[in-house]
Protein backbone atom coordinates (compact mmCIF):
# COMPACT_ATOMS: atom_id res chain seq x y z
CA MET A 1 88.69 5.88 -9.51
CA VAL A 2 88.43 6.76 -5.87
CA ALA A 3 87.00 10.15 -6.76
CA ASP A 4 84.39 8.46 -8.89
CA SER A 5 83.33 5.87 -6.31
CA SER A 6 81.99 8.32 -3.81
CA PRO A 7 79.46 9.97 -6.09
CA SER A 8 78.29 6.64 -7.40
CA GLY A 9 78.13 5.10 -3.93
CA GLN A 10 75.77 7.74 -2.52
CA PRO A 11 72.96 6.90 -4.91
CA ASP A 12 73.39 3.23 -4.08
CA ARG A 13 72.84 3.94 -0.40
CA ASP A 14 69.83 6.14 -1.19
CA THR A 15 68.31 3.43 -3.36
CA ALA A 16 68.78 0.86 -0.61
CA THR A 17 67.08 3.19 1.86
CA GLU A 18 64.15 3.71 -0.50
CA LEU A 19 63.80 -0.02 -0.99
CA LYS A 20 63.64 -0.52 2.75
CA ILE A 21 60.95 2.14 3.03
CA ASP A 22 58.95 0.54 0.20
CA ASP A 23 59.26 -2.86 1.88
CA ALA A 24 57.99 -1.38 5.12
CA LYS A 25 55.02 0.23 3.32
CA ASN A 26 54.18 -3.01 1.54
CA LYS A 27 54.39 -4.92 4.80
CA THR A 28 52.11 -2.39 6.47
CA ALA A 29 49.63 -2.65 3.59
CA GLU A 30 49.72 -6.45 3.79
CA ASP A 31 49.19 -6.31 7.54
CA LYS A 32 46.19 -4.04 7.05
CA LYS A 33 44.79 -6.32 4.38
CA MET A 34 45.25 -9.39 6.56
CA ASN A 35 43.70 -7.56 9.48
CA GLY A 36 40.78 -6.55 7.28
CA GLU A 37 40.35 -10.14 6.18
CA ARG A 38 40.33 -11.28 9.80
CA THR A 39 37.65 -8.72 10.70
CA SER A 40 35.59 -8.99 7.51
CA SER A 41 33.39 -11.59 9.12
CA SER A 42 32.55 -9.33 12.05
CA PRO A 43 28.87 -8.33 12.39
CA SER A 44 29.58 -4.65 11.69
CA SER A 45 31.30 -5.40 8.38
CA ILE A 46 28.49 -7.74 7.33
CA TRP A 47 25.88 -5.05 8.00
CA GLN A 48 27.98 -2.53 6.09
CA ARG A 49 28.14 -4.83 3.09
CA VAL A 50 24.40 -5.45 3.19
CA LEU A 51 23.74 -1.72 3.46
CA SER A 52 26.08 -0.93 0.58
CA VAL A 53 24.27 -3.45 -1.63
CA LEU A 54 20.84 -2.06 -0.70
CA LEU A 55 21.98 1.51 -1.29
CA TYR A 56 23.43 0.78 -4.72
CA THR A 57 21.16 1.70 -7.61
CA PRO A 58 21.62 0.09 -11.04
CA GLU A 59 22.18 2.65 -13.76
CA ARG A 60 18.88 1.96 -15.52
CA CYS A 61 16.99 2.68 -12.26
CA ARG A 62 18.66 6.00 -11.47
CA TRP A 63 16.53 9.12 -11.48
CA ASP A 64 17.05 11.59 -14.30
CA PRO A 65 14.81 14.69 -14.05
CA ASP A 66 15.40 15.43 -17.73
CA LYS A 67 14.30 11.95 -18.74
CA PRO A 68 12.10 10.45 -16.00
CA ILE A 69 11.42 6.73 -16.11
CA GLU A 70 8.04 5.96 -17.65
CA PHE A 71 5.52 4.18 -15.43
CA SER A 72 4.90 1.09 -17.53
CA MET A 73 2.45 -1.79 -17.21
CA ALA A 74 5.37 -4.11 -16.39
CA LEU A 75 6.34 -1.92 -13.42
CA ASN A 76 2.70 -1.75 -12.35
CA LEU A 77 2.48 -5.56 -12.37
CA LEU A 78 5.75 -5.86 -10.46
CA PHE A 79 4.41 -3.59 -7.73
CA ALA A 80 1.17 -5.60 -7.63
CA PHE A 81 3.13 -8.87 -7.33
CA ALA A 82 5.17 -7.41 -4.46
CA ALA A 83 2.00 -6.16 -2.75
CA CYS A 84 0.28 -9.53 -3.15
CA PHE A 85 2.88 -11.73 -1.50
CA THR A 86 3.95 -9.14 1.06
CA VAL A 87 0.46 -8.77 2.48
CA ALA A 88 -0.01 -12.55 2.22
CA SER A 89 2.59 -12.99 4.96
CA LEU A 90 0.07 -11.53 7.41
CA TYR A 91 -2.49 -14.27 6.74
CA TYR A 92 -0.59 -17.56 6.41
CA SER A 93 -1.33 -18.39 10.04
CA HIS A 94 -5.10 -17.85 9.91
CA PRO A 95 -6.27 -21.23 8.51
CA ILE A 96 -3.67 -23.27 10.44
CA LEU A 97 -4.04 -21.90 13.97
CA ASN A 98 -5.14 -25.32 15.26
CA ILE A 99 -2.00 -26.94 13.81
CA LEU A 100 0.21 -24.22 15.30
CA ALA A 101 -1.41 -24.82 18.70
CA GLU A 102 -0.63 -28.54 18.53
CA ASP A 103 2.95 -28.02 17.35
CA PHE A 104 3.83 -25.42 20.00
CA GLY A 105 1.84 -27.18 22.73
CA VAL A 106 -0.48 -24.27 23.55
CA THR A 107 -4.24 -23.88 23.76
CA TYR A 108 -6.46 -22.50 20.99
CA GLU A 109 -7.03 -19.41 23.11
CA GLN A 110 -3.30 -18.81 23.42
CA VAL A 111 -2.55 -19.36 19.73
CA SER A 112 -5.24 -16.85 18.76
CA ILE A 113 -2.88 -14.11 19.91
CA VAL A 114 -0.75 -14.65 16.75
CA PRO A 115 -3.18 -13.00 14.27
CA THR A 116 -4.01 -10.39 16.92
CA LEU A 117 -0.35 -9.41 17.27
CA ALA A 118 0.02 -9.43 13.50
CA GLN A 119 -2.86 -6.98 13.18
CA ALA A 120 -1.38 -4.79 15.93
CA GLY A 121 2.03 -4.83 14.23
CA TYR A 122 0.51 -3.89 10.90
CA ALA A 123 -1.36 -1.01 12.53
CA ALA A 124 1.89 0.21 14.12
CA GLY A 125 3.63 0.07 10.75
CA LEU A 126 0.81 1.98 9.09
CA LEU A 127 0.88 4.73 11.68
CA PHE A 128 4.61 5.13 12.34
CA LEU A 129 6.39 3.90 9.19
CA CYS A 130 4.14 4.78 6.24
CA PRO A 131 4.27 8.57 6.79
CA LEU A 132 8.07 8.36 6.30
CA GLY A 133 7.33 7.75 2.62
CA ASP A 134 6.83 11.52 2.35
CA LEU A 135 10.35 12.06 3.67
CA PHE A 136 12.65 9.30 2.39
CA LYS A 137 13.44 8.14 -1.11
CA ARG A 138 10.96 5.35 -1.76
CA ARG A 139 13.40 2.88 -3.34
CA ILE A 140 15.82 2.50 -0.43
CA PHE A 141 12.97 2.68 2.12
CA VAL A 142 10.97 -0.07 0.41
CA LEU A 143 14.01 -2.30 -0.14
CA SER A 144 15.07 -1.94 3.50
CA LEU A 145 11.63 -2.92 4.79
CA VAL A 146 11.39 -5.92 2.44
CA TRP A 147 14.85 -7.06 3.53
CA ILE A 148 13.91 -6.76 7.24
CA THR A 149 10.69 -8.68 6.60
CA GLY A 150 12.51 -11.52 4.84
CA THR A 151 15.25 -11.70 7.48
CA VAL A 152 12.82 -11.75 10.41
CA TRP A 153 10.86 -14.43 8.56
CA ILE A 154 13.78 -16.85 9.02
CA GLY A 155 13.10 -16.76 12.75
CA LEU A 156 9.47 -17.69 12.18
CA CYS A 157 10.57 -20.69 10.12
CA LEU A 158 13.05 -21.97 12.69
CA THR A 159 11.83 -21.11 16.17
CA THR A 160 10.35 -23.73 18.49
CA SER A 161 9.34 -21.20 21.13
CA PHE A 162 5.79 -19.91 20.98
CA PRO A 163 6.56 -16.54 22.70
CA ALA A 164 9.36 -15.97 20.17
CA PHE A 165 7.01 -16.90 17.30
CA ALA A 166 4.39 -14.43 18.56
CA ALA A 167 6.93 -11.62 19.03
CA LEU A 168 8.44 -12.15 15.58
CA SER A 169 4.94 -12.13 14.08
CA PHE A 170 4.44 -8.62 15.48
CA ILE A 171 7.79 -7.35 14.13
CA ASN A 172 7.22 -8.95 10.73
CA ALA A 173 3.75 -7.43 10.43
CA ALA A 174 5.07 -3.94 11.20
CA THR A 175 7.45 -4.08 8.22
CA THR A 176 4.95 -5.52 5.73
CA VAL A 177 3.53 -2.06 5.01
CA THR A 178 5.55 -1.73 1.79
CA PRO A 179 2.39 -2.04 -0.39
CA GLN A 180 1.05 1.05 1.37
CA LEU A 181 4.20 2.91 0.29
CA MET A 182 3.80 1.72 -3.30
CA LEU A 183 0.13 2.73 -3.63
CA PRO A 184 0.73 6.51 -3.26
CA LEU A 185 3.71 6.16 -5.59
CA VAL A 186 1.49 4.57 -8.23
CA GLY A 187 -1.04 7.38 -7.75
CA GLU A 188 1.78 9.86 -8.29
CA LEU A 189 3.35 8.27 -11.35
CA ALA A 190 0.36 6.94 -13.31
CA PRO A 191 -0.98 9.42 -15.89
CA PRO A 192 -4.46 10.78 -15.09
CA HIS A 193 -6.17 8.93 -17.93
CA ARG A 194 -5.16 5.53 -16.49
CA ARG A 195 -4.64 6.27 -12.80
CA ALA A 196 -7.70 4.29 -11.69
CA THR A 197 -6.57 1.31 -13.76
CA ALA A 198 -3.10 1.37 -12.20
CA LEU A 199 -4.53 1.65 -8.68
CA SER A 200 -7.01 -1.14 -9.42
CA ILE A 201 -4.16 -3.46 -10.39
CA MET A 202 -2.47 -2.66 -7.08
CA SER A 203 -5.71 -3.17 -5.13
CA SER A 204 -6.21 -6.50 -6.89
CA GLY A 205 -2.75 -7.53 -5.74
CA LEU A 206 -3.54 -6.61 -2.14
CA LEU A 207 -6.88 -8.43 -2.01
CA LEU A 208 -5.44 -11.37 -3.92
CA GLY A 209 -2.70 -11.67 -1.30
CA ILE A 210 -5.27 -11.88 1.51
CA LEU A 211 -7.20 -14.68 -0.19
CA ILE A 212 -4.32 -16.60 -1.75
CA ALA A 213 -2.58 -16.80 1.63
CA ARG A 214 -5.56 -18.63 3.11
CA VAL A 215 -5.86 -20.98 0.14
CA LEU A 216 -2.14 -21.69 -0.15
CA SER A 217 -1.54 -22.12 3.58
CA GLY A 218 -4.53 -24.39 4.15
CA THR A 219 -3.78 -26.55 1.12
CA VAL A 220 -0.04 -26.99 1.73
CA THR A 221 -0.47 -27.71 5.43
CA ASN A 222 -2.92 -30.50 4.65
CA PHE A 223 -0.07 -32.50 3.10
CA VAL A 224 3.19 -31.31 4.74
CA SER A 225 4.43 -29.43 7.82
CA TRP A 226 3.21 -25.89 8.43
CA ARG A 227 6.85 -24.76 8.29
CA VAL A 228 6.90 -25.48 4.56
CA ILE A 229 4.47 -22.67 3.80
CA TYR A 230 6.57 -20.35 5.96
CA TRP A 231 9.72 -21.29 4.04
CA ILE A 232 7.80 -20.58 0.82
CA GLY A 233 6.92 -17.17 2.25
CA PHE A 234 10.60 -16.57 3.06
CA GLY A 235 11.61 -17.38 -0.51
CA LEU A 236 8.93 -15.09 -1.91
CA GLN A 237 10.12 -12.17 0.24
CA TYR A 238 13.67 -12.45 -1.06
CA LEU A 239 12.39 -12.89 -4.62
CA ILE A 240 10.49 -9.62 -4.20
CA LEU A 241 13.64 -7.98 -2.82
CA ILE A 242 15.71 -9.09 -5.81
CA LEU A 243 13.12 -8.01 -8.38
CA LEU A 244 12.62 -4.60 -6.80
CA TRP A 245 16.39 -4.08 -6.49
CA PHE A 246 16.82 -4.67 -10.22
CA PHE A 247 13.76 -2.81 -11.52
CA MET A 248 12.36 -0.29 -9.00
CA PRO A 249 13.36 3.23 -10.08
CA ASP A 250 14.98 5.57 -7.56
CA TYR A 251 12.27 8.20 -7.32
CA PRO A 252 13.26 11.37 -5.43
CA SER A 253 11.77 12.38 -2.10
CA THR A 254 8.65 14.56 -2.29
CA ASN A 255 10.02 16.67 0.59
CA PRO A 256 13.81 16.83 0.02
CA SER A 257 14.22 19.72 2.45
CA GLY A 258 13.10 17.43 5.29
CA LEU A 259 10.20 17.27 7.75
CA ASN A 260 9.96 17.02 11.52
CA TYR A 261 8.77 13.47 12.26
CA PHE A 262 6.37 14.34 15.06
CA ARG A 263 4.91 17.31 13.20
CA MET A 264 4.54 15.03 10.21
CA LEU A 265 2.49 12.59 12.30
CA TRP A 266 0.33 15.42 13.62
CA SER A 267 -0.22 16.71 10.09
CA ILE A 268 -2.14 13.49 9.36
CA VAL A 269 -4.82 14.77 11.74
CA THR A 270 -4.82 18.31 10.36
CA ILE A 271 -4.99 17.16 6.74
CA THR A 272 -7.93 14.92 7.60
CA TYR A 273 -10.14 17.43 9.38
CA ARG A 274 -9.53 20.03 6.67
CA SER A 275 -10.36 17.69 3.77
CA PRO A 276 -14.02 16.72 3.37
CA VAL A 277 -13.21 14.29 0.57
CA LEU A 278 -10.71 12.43 2.79
CA VAL A 279 -13.12 12.15 5.71
CA GLN A 280 -15.84 10.88 3.38
CA ALA A 281 -13.47 8.31 1.86
CA CYS A 282 -12.26 7.17 5.30
CA ILE A 283 -15.76 6.54 6.63
CA VAL A 284 -16.87 4.76 3.46
CA GLY A 285 -13.70 2.66 3.45
CA MET A 286 -14.12 1.71 7.10
CA LEU A 287 -17.73 0.57 6.73
CA THR A 288 -17.05 -1.31 3.48
CA SER A 289 -14.02 -3.19 4.82
CA ALA A 290 -16.06 -4.26 7.86
CA THR A 291 -18.34 -6.26 5.57
CA PHE A 292 -15.33 -7.97 3.95
CA THR A 293 -13.87 -9.39 7.17
CA ASN A 294 -17.33 -10.14 8.57
CA TYR A 295 -18.10 -12.31 5.56
CA TRP A 296 -14.80 -14.21 5.31
CA THR A 297 -14.69 -14.82 9.07
CA THR A 298 -18.20 -16.18 9.48
CA LEU A 299 -18.19 -18.05 6.15
CA THR A 300 -16.01 -20.75 7.72
CA PHE A 301 -18.63 -21.36 10.41
CA LEU A 302 -21.43 -21.52 7.84
CA LEU A 303 -19.71 -23.95 5.46
CA SER A 304 -18.36 -26.25 8.18
CA GLY A 305 -21.78 -26.71 9.77
CA GLU A 306 -25.23 -27.77 8.63
CA PRO A 307 -26.39 -28.12 5.91
CA TYR A 308 -23.00 -28.10 4.08
CA ASN A 309 -20.43 -29.81 6.35
CA PHE A 310 -17.53 -28.97 4.00
CA SER A 311 -13.96 -29.95 4.85
CA SER A 312 -11.32 -27.33 5.65
CA LEU A 313 -9.72 -27.95 2.24
CA VAL A 314 -12.96 -27.19 0.39
CA ILE A 315 -13.55 -24.11 2.53
CA GLY A 316 -10.05 -22.89 1.69
CA LEU A 317 -10.63 -23.40 -2.03
CA PHE A 318 -13.75 -21.23 -1.69
CA GLY A 319 -11.38 -18.26 -1.74
CA PHE A 320 -10.80 -18.79 -5.45
CA ILE A 321 -14.27 -17.33 -6.04
CA GLY A 322 -13.13 -14.03 -4.58
CA ILE A 323 -9.91 -14.19 -6.59
CA ALA A 324 -11.88 -14.57 -9.82
CA ALA A 325 -13.96 -11.50 -8.95
CA MET A 326 -10.86 -9.40 -8.32
CA CYS A 327 -9.53 -10.12 -11.79
CA LEU A 328 -12.45 -8.11 -13.17
CA GLY A 329 -11.30 -4.95 -11.37
CA PRO A 330 -8.56 -3.64 -13.69
CA PRO A 331 -10.49 -3.93 -16.98
CA TYR A 332 -13.56 -2.42 -15.33
CA SER A 333 -11.44 0.46 -14.01
CA ARG A 334 -10.03 1.15 -17.46
CA VAL A 335 -13.44 1.18 -19.13
CA VAL A 336 -15.55 2.83 -16.39
CA ILE A 337 -13.73 4.30 -13.37
CA ASP A 338 -11.14 6.20 -15.43
CA ARG A 339 -14.02 7.97 -17.21
CA LEU A 340 -16.22 8.83 -14.21
CA THR A 341 -15.79 11.06 -11.19
CA PRO A 342 -14.45 9.02 -8.24
CA LEU A 343 -17.53 9.59 -6.09
CA ILE A 344 -19.90 8.19 -8.71
CA SER A 345 -17.68 5.11 -9.04
CA THR A 346 -17.73 4.74 -5.25
CA ILE A 347 -21.53 4.84 -5.20
CA ILE A 348 -21.70 2.21 -7.96
CA GLY A 349 -19.32 -0.02 -5.97
CA GLU A 350 -21.39 0.31 -2.80
CA ILE A 351 -24.60 -0.57 -4.65
CA ILE A 352 -22.93 -3.70 -6.09
CA CYS A 353 -21.80 -4.66 -2.57
CA LEU A 354 -25.29 -4.11 -1.16
CA ILE A 355 -26.89 -6.37 -3.79
CA GLY A 356 -24.36 -9.15 -3.21
CA ILE A 357 -24.57 -9.00 0.59
CA THR A 358 -28.36 -8.98 0.56
CA ILE A 359 -28.51 -12.07 -1.68
CA GLY A 360 -25.90 -13.96 0.32
CA THR A 361 -27.31 -13.10 3.72
CA TYR A 362 -30.88 -14.17 3.10
CA THR A 363 -30.27 -17.23 0.89
CA GLY A 364 -27.02 -18.59 2.31
CA THR A 365 -28.65 -20.85 4.89
CA PHE A 366 -30.32 -23.08 2.28
CA THR A 367 -28.33 -22.72 -0.99
CA ILE A 368 -24.59 -22.47 -1.62
CA ALA A 369 -25.32 -20.13 -4.54
CA GLY A 370 -26.03 -17.31 -2.07
CA PRO A 371 -22.52 -17.11 -0.54
CA ILE A 372 -20.96 -17.57 -4.00
CA VAL A 373 -22.90 -14.64 -5.46
CA GLN A 374 -22.05 -12.58 -2.38
CA ALA A 375 -18.33 -13.34 -2.72
CA VAL A 376 -18.27 -12.27 -6.37
CA LEU A 377 -20.32 -9.09 -6.05
CA MET A 378 -18.98 -7.98 -2.68
CA ASP A 379 -15.31 -8.37 -3.60
CA PHE A 380 -15.84 -6.68 -6.97
CA GLY A 381 -17.84 -3.83 -5.45
CA MET A 382 -15.35 -3.29 -2.65
CA GLN A 383 -12.46 -3.13 -5.10
CA THR A 384 -14.35 -0.61 -7.22
CA SER A 385 -15.05 1.54 -4.17
CA GLN A 386 -11.48 1.42 -2.86
CA THR A 387 -9.97 2.24 -6.24
CA ALA A 388 -12.27 5.24 -6.64
CA ASN A 389 -11.54 6.46 -3.10
CA ARG A 390 -7.79 6.30 -3.65
CA THR A 391 -8.06 8.06 -7.00
CA SER A 392 -9.80 10.91 -5.22
CA ILE A 393 -7.71 11.29 -2.06
CA TYR A 394 -4.32 11.13 -3.80
CA GLN A 395 -5.13 14.48 -5.42
CA ILE A 396 -5.44 16.36 -2.12
CA ASP A 397 -1.74 17.17 -1.70
CA SER A 398 1.01 15.74 -3.87
CA LYS A 399 3.61 16.21 -1.11
CA ALA A 400 1.58 14.37 1.54
CA ARG A 401 0.26 11.32 -0.28
CA ASN A 402 1.75 8.83 2.16
CA ARG A 403 0.24 10.62 5.14
CA ILE A 404 -3.10 10.81 3.36
CA ASN A 405 -2.86 7.10 2.57
CA THR A 406 -2.04 6.44 6.23
CA ALA A 407 -5.23 8.20 7.35
CA TYR A 408 -7.28 6.22 4.86
CA MET A 409 -5.68 2.84 5.65
CA VAL A 410 -5.96 3.31 9.41
CA SER A 411 -9.71 3.79 8.97
CA VAL A 412 -9.90 0.72 6.70
CA PHE A 413 -7.95 -1.29 9.25
CA CYS A 414 -10.33 -0.19 12.02
CA GLY A 415 -13.20 -1.34 9.82
CA GLN A 416 -11.60 -4.77 9.43
CA LEU A 417 -11.30 -5.12 13.20
CA ILE A 418 -14.91 -4.03 13.65
CA GLY A 419 -16.12 -6.54 11.04
CA THR A 420 -14.23 -9.44 12.62
CA SER A 421 -15.36 -8.63 16.16
CA VAL A 422 -18.99 -7.84 15.37
CA GLY A 423 -19.33 -10.72 12.91
CA ASN A 424 -18.07 -13.35 15.36
CA HIS A 425 -20.22 -12.02 18.18
CA LEU A 426 -23.40 -11.82 16.14
CA TYR A 427 -22.87 -15.22 14.51
CA ALA A 428 -22.50 -16.80 17.95
CA GLU A 429 -25.79 -15.19 18.99
CA GLY A 430 -27.99 -15.65 15.94
CA GLY A 431 -26.11 -17.39 13.13
CA TRP A 432 -25.42 -16.44 9.52
CA VAL A 433 -28.40 -14.14 8.95
CA HIS A 434 -27.75 -12.26 12.18
CA SER A 435 -24.16 -11.42 11.23
CA GLY A 436 -25.25 -10.70 7.64
CA ASN A 437 -27.74 -8.09 8.88
CA ALA A 438 -24.79 -6.15 10.30
CA SER A 439 -23.08 -6.17 6.89
CA VAL A 440 -26.25 -4.88 5.24
CA GLY A 441 -26.28 -2.06 7.78
CA PHE A 442 -22.59 -1.30 7.21
CA ILE A 443 -23.02 -0.99 3.45
CA ALA A 444 -26.22 1.04 3.78
CA GLY A 445 -24.30 3.45 6.02
CA ALA A 446 -21.43 3.66 3.52
CA LEU A 447 -23.89 4.42 0.72
CA ALA A 448 -25.55 7.13 2.80
CA ILE A 449 -22.20 8.79 3.53
CA SER A 450 -21.37 8.68 -0.18
CA LEU A 451 -24.56 10.60 -0.94
CA VAL A 452 -23.98 13.32 1.67
CA ARG A 453 -21.76 15.40 -0.60
CA GLY A 454 -21.58 15.56 -4.38
CA PRO A 455 -18.58 15.10 -6.68
CA TRP A 456 -18.14 18.84 -7.25
CA GLU A 457 -18.98 20.04 -3.73
CA ASN A 458 -16.34 22.15 -1.92
CA GLY A 459 -17.86 21.91 1.54
CA TRP A 460 -18.83 19.08 3.86
CA VAL A 461 -22.47 18.62 2.82
CA GLY A 462 -24.37 19.29 -0.38
CA TRP A 463 -24.33 18.78 -4.13
CA ARG A 464 -23.33 22.26 -5.24
CA GLY A 465 -21.29 22.50 -8.40
CA GLY A 466 -23.49 20.20 -10.43
CA TRP A 467 -24.56 16.58 -10.70
CA GLY A 468 -22.19 15.74 -13.56
CA TRP A 469 -20.88 12.19 -13.33
CA ARG A 470 -18.26 12.34 -16.08
CA ARG A 471 -14.75 13.61 -15.51
CA ARG A 472 -14.37 17.12 -16.90
CA ASP A 473 -10.66 16.95 -17.60
CA LEU A 474 -10.88 14.22 -20.25
CA GLY A 475 -12.14 14.78 -23.78
CA GLY A 476 -14.12 17.67 -25.22
CA LYS A 477 -12.93 21.17 -26.05
CA GLY A 478 -9.27 20.28 -26.14
CA LYS A 479 -9.03 19.01 -22.60
CA ASP A 480 -7.66 15.61 -23.35
CA VAL A 481 -5.02 14.42 -20.98
CA GLU A 482 -1.69 13.98 -22.65
CA LYS A 483 -0.48 10.44 -23.14
CA SER A 484 2.55 11.12 -20.98
CA GLY A 485 0.38 12.07 -18.06
CA GLY A 486 1.67 15.63 -18.18
CA VAL A 487 -0.28 18.87 -17.83
CA LYS A 488 -1.51 21.18 -20.53
CA ASP A 489 -1.30 24.71 -19.25
CA GLY A 490 -2.28 23.49 -15.80
CA ALA A 491 -2.42 25.94 -12.96
CA VAL A 492 -3.63 26.17 -9.39
CA SER A 493 -5.08 29.26 -7.80
CA GLU A 494 -4.19 30.53 -4.34
CA LYS A 495 -6.35 32.12 -1.67
CA LYS A 496 -6.09 35.87 -1.35
CA GLY A 497 -3.05 36.96 0.53
CA ASP A 498 -1.15 33.72 -0.01
CA GLU A 499 2.17 33.86 -1.81
CA PRO A 500 2.57 30.96 -4.22
CA GLU A 501 5.35 28.47 -3.56
CA ARG A 502 6.77 27.40 -6.91
CA ALA A 503 7.73 23.89 -5.85
CA GLN A 504 4.37 22.92 -4.38
CA GLU A 505 2.41 24.68 -7.09
CA THR A 506 4.26 22.65 -9.70
CA ALA A 507 3.64 19.42 -7.78
CA ILE A 508 -0.09 20.04 -7.45
CA ALA A 509 -0.32 21.22 -11.06
CA ASP A 510 1.14 17.89 -12.12
CA GLU A 511 -1.98 16.28 -10.65
CA MET A 512 -4.42 18.37 -12.65
CA SER A 513 -5.21 18.58 -16.33
CA MET A 514 -7.16 21.74 -17.07
CA ASP A 515 -6.91 24.67 -19.40
CA GLY A 516 -7.19 27.52 -16.96
CA PRO A 517 -6.82 28.46 -13.31
CA THR A 518 -9.34 27.21 -10.79
CA GLU A 519 -11.52 29.87 -9.30
CA HIS A 520 -13.11 29.17 -5.96
CA GLY A 521 -13.70 30.64 -2.58
CA ASP A 522 -13.32 29.36 0.94
CA SER A 523 -14.34 25.72 0.92
CA GLU A 524 -15.56 25.85 4.51
CA LYS A 525 -18.15 28.43 3.54
CA GLY A 526 -19.36 26.18 0.77
CA THR A 527 -18.74 28.64 -2.05
CA GLU A 528 -19.87 27.20 -5.35
CA LEU A 529 -17.44 26.46 -8.12
CA ASP A 530 -17.26 28.87 -10.99
CA SER A 531 -19.58 27.76 -13.74
CA ARG A 532 -16.92 28.02 -16.39
CA GLU A 533 -15.76 24.65 -17.74
CA ASP A 534 -12.07 25.40 -17.21
CA GLY A 535 -12.59 25.82 -13.48
CA LYS A 536 -13.60 22.25 -12.74
CA PRO A 537 -11.19 20.10 -10.80
CA GLU A 538 -9.89 16.79 -12.07
CA ASP A 539 -11.56 13.49 -11.26
CA GLY A 540 -14.39 15.07 -9.32
CA HIS A 541 -12.17 16.04 -6.43
CA GLU A 542 -13.00 19.27 -4.65
CA ASN A 543 -10.70 22.23 -5.10
CA THR A 544 -8.63 22.05 -1.93
CA THR A 545 -5.99 24.72 -1.79
CA LYS A 546 -2.55 23.83 -0.56
CA ASP A 547 -2.82 25.98 2.59
CA GLU A 548 -5.90 23.95 3.62
CA VAL A 549 -3.92 20.75 3.73
CA ARG A 550 -0.48 22.02 4.69
């Protein structure tokens, strides 16, 4: 018995030792868990949780190169909705500046800095944030900016300090550039045969946001506190965040190998001066947008004075006229713009603007019909022109669409500032007709720039390559664009001595639908396009080789 007890006793001691070790491990694990629970409310852990949620991609939104997500009408409308109420956050303050001045106890001159700082913040976002769309994955970048916008918006709703309100307005405006990240993405994903329609829906969302913000803010503030409209804006931002998190696909970066940030900013300049079509679009866009802000700024002065004497509520509801005009844009784009070269559509849009502005300017002082006709025709014409311009410039370089869009939007933004400044100054000097004369001049200038170079011209000036106004990549001789938006035997030619880069060639080929390689010479020398039908570029855009825009 004694001999047997020793062998059996040793395992008992070993088991006891193991149990003690297990108890120690469990205690350590519990201590770590309790310590984690105590620190889970720390700021760093909260930010980590938020980041982990933003970075997570639902399975249905994950990118599969073998089965890419189709760009549907539902996704197009979601992007337009996000663009509408994101850009609206820039304009809620405009019709209620007098109420903000009273609430914060500042003068009208001091409160006017709020929209000025918002414009400056938006310009900073355009210039320094939008180009990053060519580097980062668009989903996480867009979601992060929307989340920052919504979070900063809480401060605007709560603060009682005017300096804090002004500073937060600047920060908020800088992060509201998400629509300008979505527009190039739409131009990339929409198939060629409905690209103009998709861009028109997005443009309608943008313009609708500008007008609906004025109407909604002015109307709500007439009955309740101005903070209510800001809380509504906060709720809309987080609604946009939730919808995009659930439904926005995780599209890959267009430059996965990376880009130097400062060289990327400088490339905006180099792409611009090497691309005649971009320079033309920028100047036209700048002059056209100047008429938009000139009209909507001075319209308040006209309607509030003799002979109309309308209330602020009625003046705010006047924006619904522009909203109705914008609803015509998408169907018009589908029927007309998608079938014509972009330049011809731009010219048509400028002519429509010119007719509307002329009628409104010279009849607005004695009949309300004049400004109404101007609102309808000008907004519709401007939307037509902008949609056509974007359709054209997004074909310059598929890997630099966000930088190209930045160049275009900076020029449009400058035009808006010019229109506001010139319109106010001229109205103070000579009234409605005086400021309207400036808009007539702006549109006449835009129309002249549109006529400087033709839709098939390679160089800076001229109409070489033909006067054809129909797109040459759709219909006829087997050149129909595939329903999927893909390419049929598409190819892109290189300049002599250049070695083709497979990745960029594929990306640019995805933007063209033609049956054979493009044959052309140096665009700066103005070499004419080959007369063969299969050498014509898509959508009327000049044949810019990739080394010209690199």
